[in-house]
Each structure stands twice: as C-alpha cells, then as structure tokens.
Amino acid sequence: MKDPISRKRELADQAYCLISLAMDKRKILHEKNRGEKNQSLTQSLEKIDADIKVLQNYINMLGTDLTEKDVSAIESEIKGYQPDD
C-alpha cells in the first residue's frame, strides 16, 4: 500500500489528466458551437465546465489533511469519472 502522500499525489495527477482531456474536448465543442449555437453543444460545454470545477476542487482537497475515508471517496469519484463521448 502506498503512503498517504504518494497516494494523494497520484490521485491529483489523475485529476489533472482528466482536466486536460476535458479542456481539449471543451475546445473542440466550443469551436463547433461558435458557428452553430446548438443548445445541446452549449449544455455539453456547461457540463464540462462543471466537471472541471469538481476535479479542481478534488485537487485542492487532496492538498489538505484528509482522513483515509475522505481520500478513498475522492479516489472513487476520480476513478469513476468518465468524460462524455
């Protein structure tokens, strides 16, 4: 089992990767939406923005003194995050 600091660092790295993927997807959707102004694309952009904020909050929380239970809950959320295709 990893020490708590390494585990939290690894989870933060995973969250950063997910944010990067979300930002790439957001950029593509934003370009598509620029010309079309499609409501569905707008909603997808809003969801991506919300997901990014949640992931950023997890990263911030991982920088604090958390219980093992809290870290496990965040780990479950990060590992369960699936960006929409």
C-alpha atoms as a PDB file:
ATOM      1  CA  MET A   1       0.000   0.000   0.000  1.00  0.00           C
ATOM      2  CA  LYS A   2       1.227   3.458  -0.875  1.00  0.00           C
ATOM      3  CA  ASP A   3       1.955   6.042   1.739  1.00  0.00           C
ATOM      4  CA  PRO A   4      -0.808   8.655   2.072  1.00  0.00           C
ATOM      5  CA  ILE A   5       1.153  11.477   0.444  1.00  0.00           C
ATOM      6  CA  SER A   6       2.083   9.401  -2.625  1.00  0.00           C
ATOM      7  CA  ARG A   7      -1.488   8.219  -2.957  1.00  0.00           C
ATOM      8  CA  LYS A   8      -2.845  11.762  -2.798  1.00  0.00           C
ATOM      9  CA  ARG A   9      -0.225  12.941  -5.301  1.00  0.00           C
ATOM     10  CA  GLU A  10      -1.167  10.135  -7.703  1.00  0.00           C
ATOM     11  CA  LEU A  11      -4.862  10.994  -7.426  1.00  0.00           C
ATOM     12  CA  ALA A  12      -4.122  14.675  -8.058  1.00  0.00           C
ATOM     13  CA  ASP A  13      -2.106  13.692 -11.146  1.00  0.00           C
ATOM     14  CA  GLN A  14      -5.043  11.626 -12.415  1.00  0.00           C
ATOM     15  CA  ALA A  15      -7.389  14.555 -11.848  1.00  0.00           C
ATOM     16  CA  TYR A  16      -5.007  16.884 -13.744  1.00  0.00           C
ATOM     17  CA  CYS A  17      -5.011  14.441 -16.677  1.00  0.00           C
ATOM     18  CA  LEU A  18      -8.808  14.354 -16.669  1.00  0.00           C
ATOM     19  CA  ILE A  19      -8.926  18.153 -16.607  1.00  0.00           C
ATOM     20  CA  SER A  20      -6.564  18.259 -19.571  1.00  0.00           C
ATOM     21  CA  LEU A  21      -8.773  15.850 -21.517  1.00  0.00           C
ATOM     22  CA  ALA A  22     -11.868  17.857 -20.598  1.00  0.00           C
ATOM     23  CA  MET A  23     -10.209  21.085 -21.706  1.00  0.00           C
ATOM     24  CA  ASP A  24      -9.299  19.532 -25.068  1.00  0.00           C
ATOM     25  CA  LYS A  25     -12.868  18.348 -25.538  1.00  0.00           C
ATOM     26  CA  ARG A  26     -14.182  21.737 -24.450  1.00  0.00           C
ATOM     27  CA  LYS A  27     -12.030  23.492 -27.042  1.00  0.00           C
ATOM     28  CA  ILE A  28     -13.374  21.238 -29.821  1.00  0.00           C
ATOM     29  CA  LEU A  29     -17.002  21.724 -28.742  1.00  0.00           C
ATOM     30  CA  HIS A  30     -16.508  25.461 -28.369  1.00  0.00           C
ATOM     31  CA  GLU A  31     -15.260  25.681 -31.955  1.00  0.00           C
ATOM     32  CA  LYS A  32     -18.210  23.619 -33.207  1.00  0.00           C
ATOM     33  CA  ASN A  33     -20.636  25.735 -31.184  1.00  0.00           C
ATOM     34  CA  ARG A  34     -19.167  29.008 -32.404  1.00  0.00           C
ATOM     35  CA  GLY A  35     -20.884  28.725 -35.755  1.00  0.00           C
ATOM     36  CA  GLU A  36     -23.896  26.594 -34.892  1.00  0.00           C
ATOM     37  CA  LYS A  37     -25.002  27.851 -31.462  1.00  0.00           C
ATOM     38  CA  ASN A  38     -26.514  24.451 -30.792  1.00  0.00           C
ATOM     39  CA  GLN A  39     -28.321  24.110 -27.438  1.00  0.00           C
ATOM     40  CA  SER A  40     -27.022  20.569 -26.985  1.00  0.00           C
ATOM     41  CA  LEU A  41     -23.426  21.722 -27.506  1.00  0.00           C
ATOM     42  CA  THR A  42     -23.966  24.588 -25.091  1.00  0.00           C
ATOM     43  CA  GLN A  43     -25.225  22.155 -22.451  1.00  0.00           C
ATOM     44  CA  SER A  44     -22.230  19.892 -23.066  1.00  0.00           C
ATOM     45  CA  LEU A  45     -19.900  22.854 -22.583  1.00  0.00           C
ATOM     46  CA  GLU A  46     -21.635  23.747 -19.325  1.00  0.00           C
ATOM     47  CA  LYS A  47     -21.294  20.151 -18.091  1.00  0.00           C
ATOM     48  CA  ILE A  48     -17.604  20.089 -18.981  1.00  0.00           C
ATOM     49  CA  ASP A  49     -17.085  23.365 -17.104  1.00  0.00           C
ATOM     50  CA  ALA A  50     -18.841  21.912 -14.049  1.00  0.00           C
ATOM     51  CA  ASP A  51     -16.769  18.714 -14.247  1.00  0.00           C
ATOM     52  CA  ILE A  52     -13.554  20.729 -14.424  1.00  0.00           C
ATOM     53  CA  LYS A  53     -14.555  22.707 -11.317  1.00  0.00           C
ATOM     54  CA  VAL A  54     -15.312  19.492  -9.420  1.00  0.00           C
ATOM     55  CA  LEU A  55     -11.965  17.982 -10.405  1.00  0.00           C
ATOM     56  CA  GLN A  56     -10.178  21.195  -9.382  1.00  0.00           C
ATOM     57  CA  ASN A  57     -11.931  21.034  -6.015  1.00  0.00           C
ATOM     58  CA  TYR A  58     -10.750  17.443  -5.561  1.00  0.00           C
ATOM     59  CA  ILE A  59      -7.187  18.523  -6.289  1.00  0.00           C
ATOM     60  CA  ASN A  60      -7.488  21.323  -3.724  1.00  0.00           C
ATOM     61  CA  MET A  61      -8.958  18.928  -1.165  1.00  0.00           C
ATOM     62  CA  LEU A  62      -6.119  16.453  -1.740  1.00  0.00           C
ATOM     63  CA  GLY A  63      -3.728  19.197  -0.651  1.00  0.00           C
ATOM     64  CA  THR A  64      -5.316  19.279   2.794  1.00  0.00           C
ATOM     65  CA  ASP A  65      -5.253  16.947   5.779  1.00  0.00           C
ATOM     66  CA  LEU A  66      -7.887  14.336   4.922  1.00  0.00           C
ATOM     67  CA  THR A  67      -8.953  11.150   6.588  1.00  0.00           C
ATOM     68  CA  GLU A  68      -8.400   7.836   4.812  1.00  0.00           C
ATOM     69  CA  LYS A  69     -12.160   7.666   4.258  1.00  0.00           C
ATOM     70  CA  ASP A  70     -12.157  11.084   2.548  1.00  0.00           C
ATOM     71  CA  VAL A  71      -9.234  10.127   0.309  1.00  0.00           C
ATOM     72  CA  SER A  72     -10.974   6.868  -0.626  1.00  0.00           C
ATOM     73  CA  ALA A  73     -14.151   8.758  -1.515  1.00  0.00           C
ATOM     74  CA  ILE A  74     -12.231  11.179  -3.725  1.00  0.00           C
ATOM     75  CA  GLU A  75     -10.352   8.270  -5.299  1.00  0.00           C
ATOM     76  CA  SER A  76     -13.650   6.580  -6.109  1.00  0.00           C
ATOM     77  CA  GLU A  77     -15.002   9.754  -7.710  1.00  0.00           C
ATOM     78  CA  ILE A  78     -11.872  10.378  -9.782  1.00  0.00           C
ATOM     79  CA  LYS A  79     -11.620   6.779 -10.958  1.00  0.00           C
ATOM     80  CA  GLY A  80     -15.339   6.751 -11.742  1.00  0.00           C
ATOM     81  CA  TYR A  81     -15.216   9.953 -13.773  1.00  0.00           C
ATOM     82  CA  GLN A  82     -15.988   9.276 -17.412  1.00  0.00           C
ATOM     83  CA  PRO A  83     -15.953  12.213 -19.778  1.00  0.00           C
ATOM     84  CA  ASP A  84     -18.873  12.129 -22.188  1.00  0.00           C
ATOM     85  CA  ASP A  85     -18.000  10.927 -25.657  1.00  0.00           C
END
